[in-house]
Amino acid sequence: MALTIVGFLGFGPLSHGVSRNLRAVVEKLREMGIVVDYTEVRLPLLDVEEFEPFALIDGREVYVPSVAVEPEKLVDYLLAAGIVGLSPLPVPPVAV
């Protein structure tokens, strides 16, 4: 199983937090034996005022929190949401 993750980030604390969480998830997935192709795309936009960071996992837009979370719990969320793995549950929206 190969997985493509692209993080779209701006500049500010939200993008920093999302980047940190995505990198931790990528590391955890690789430890689980899942091949991951990870790319970060920096956009010339400020967080909140102009932009909210997000991720695409195999072409699906995915919510990734900007606050520090345990990578294991975020991986569990991705597995349960069917983004990585088997379950066909719906994916929550990125922005409310």
Protein backbone atom coordinates (compact mmCIF):
# COMPACT_ATOMS: atom_id res chain seq x y z
CA MET A 1 0.00 0.00 0.00
CA ALA A 2 1.41 3.40 -1.02
CA LEU A 3 -0.05 6.64 0.25
CA THR A 4 0.34 10.20 -1.06
CA ILE A 5 0.01 13.02 1.45
CA VAL A 6 0.22 16.68 0.43
CA GLY A 7 0.06 19.41 3.07
CA PHE A 8 -1.01 22.85 1.85
CA LEU A 9 0.42 25.37 4.28
CA GLY A 10 0.58 29.13 4.59
CA PHE A 11 2.53 31.17 7.12
CA GLY A 12 1.61 31.35 10.77
CA PRO A 13 0.94 29.22 13.84
CA LEU A 14 -1.84 27.12 12.26
CA SER A 15 0.36 26.03 9.37
CA HIS A 16 3.21 25.28 11.76
CA GLY A 17 0.96 23.04 13.85
CA VAL A 18 -0.52 21.23 10.85
CA SER A 19 2.98 20.65 9.44
CA ARG A 20 4.18 19.25 12.77
CA ASN A 21 1.19 16.89 13.01
CA LEU A 22 1.47 15.74 9.40
CA ARG A 23 5.16 14.94 9.79
CA ALA A 24 4.45 12.95 12.95
CA VAL A 25 1.68 11.01 11.17
CA VAL A 26 3.95 10.27 8.22
CA GLU A 27 6.63 8.95 10.57
CA LYS A 28 4.10 6.77 12.42
CA LEU A 29 2.65 5.39 9.16
CA ARG A 30 6.14 4.53 7.93
CA GLU A 31 6.81 2.71 11.22
CA MET A 32 3.66 0.68 10.48
CA GLY A 33 5.15 -0.35 7.14
CA ILE A 34 3.02 1.92 4.95
CA VAL A 35 4.93 3.59 2.11
CA VAL A 36 4.22 7.33 2.24
CA ASP A 37 5.08 10.02 -0.30
CA TYR A 38 4.86 13.29 1.67
CA THR A 39 5.05 16.79 0.18
CA GLU A 40 4.52 20.21 1.73
CA VAL A 41 3.30 23.04 -0.48
CA ARG A 42 3.93 26.52 0.97
CA LEU A 43 1.53 29.15 -0.26
CA PRO A 44 2.29 32.88 0.15
CA LEU A 45 -0.73 33.41 2.42
CA LEU A 46 -1.18 34.23 6.10
CA ASP A 47 -3.05 31.78 8.30
CA VAL A 48 -6.60 32.62 9.37
CA GLU A 49 -6.86 35.99 7.58
CA GLU A 50 -6.37 34.59 4.09
CA PHE A 51 -5.99 30.83 4.41
CA GLU A 52 -6.65 27.74 6.49
CA PRO A 53 -4.07 24.94 6.08
CA PHE A 54 -5.27 21.52 4.95
CA ALA A 55 -4.05 18.20 3.63
CA LEU A 56 -4.88 15.91 0.75
CA ILE A 57 -4.44 12.21 1.36
CA ASP A 58 -4.70 10.24 -1.86
CA GLY A 59 -6.65 13.16 -3.31
CA ARG A 60 -9.15 13.44 -0.44
CA GLU A 61 -9.28 16.64 1.59
CA VAL A 62 -8.66 15.82 5.23
CA TYR A 63 -8.93 17.75 8.47
CA VAL A 64 -5.65 17.89 10.38
CA PRO A 65 -5.68 19.79 13.68
CA SER A 66 -3.18 22.57 14.27
CA VAL A 67 -2.91 21.87 18.00
CA ALA A 68 -0.45 19.25 19.23
CA VAL A 69 -1.96 15.77 19.18
CA GLU A 70 -0.56 12.31 19.74
CA PRO A 71 0.42 10.90 16.33
CA GLU A 72 -1.07 7.51 17.26
CA LYS A 73 -4.51 9.08 17.81
CA LEU A 74 -4.34 10.97 14.52
CA VAL A 75 -3.37 7.76 12.70
CA ASP A 76 -6.28 5.99 14.43
CA TYR A 77 -8.60 8.75 13.18
CA LEU A 78 -7.32 8.35 9.63
CA LEU A 79 -7.76 4.58 9.83
CA ALA A 80 -11.28 4.89 11.27
CA ALA A 81 -12.28 7.50 8.68
CA GLY A 82 -11.28 5.14 5.90
CA ILE A 83 -8.64 7.46 4.54
CA VAL A 84 -5.88 5.01 5.35
CA GLY A 85 -7.17 1.46 5.48
CA LEU A 86 -10.51 -0.24 5.01
CA SER A 87 -13.44 1.53 6.66
CA PRO A 88 -15.92 3.44 4.41
CA LEU A 89 -16.88 6.08 7.01
CA PRO A 90 -17.30 9.70 5.80
CA VAL A 91 -14.52 12.25 6.19
CA PRO A 92 -15.30 15.40 8.21
CA PRO A 93 -15.00 18.74 6.39
CA VAL A 94 -11.80 20.77 6.64
CA ALA A 95 -13.51 24.05 7.49
CA VAL A 96 -16.72 24.65 9.41
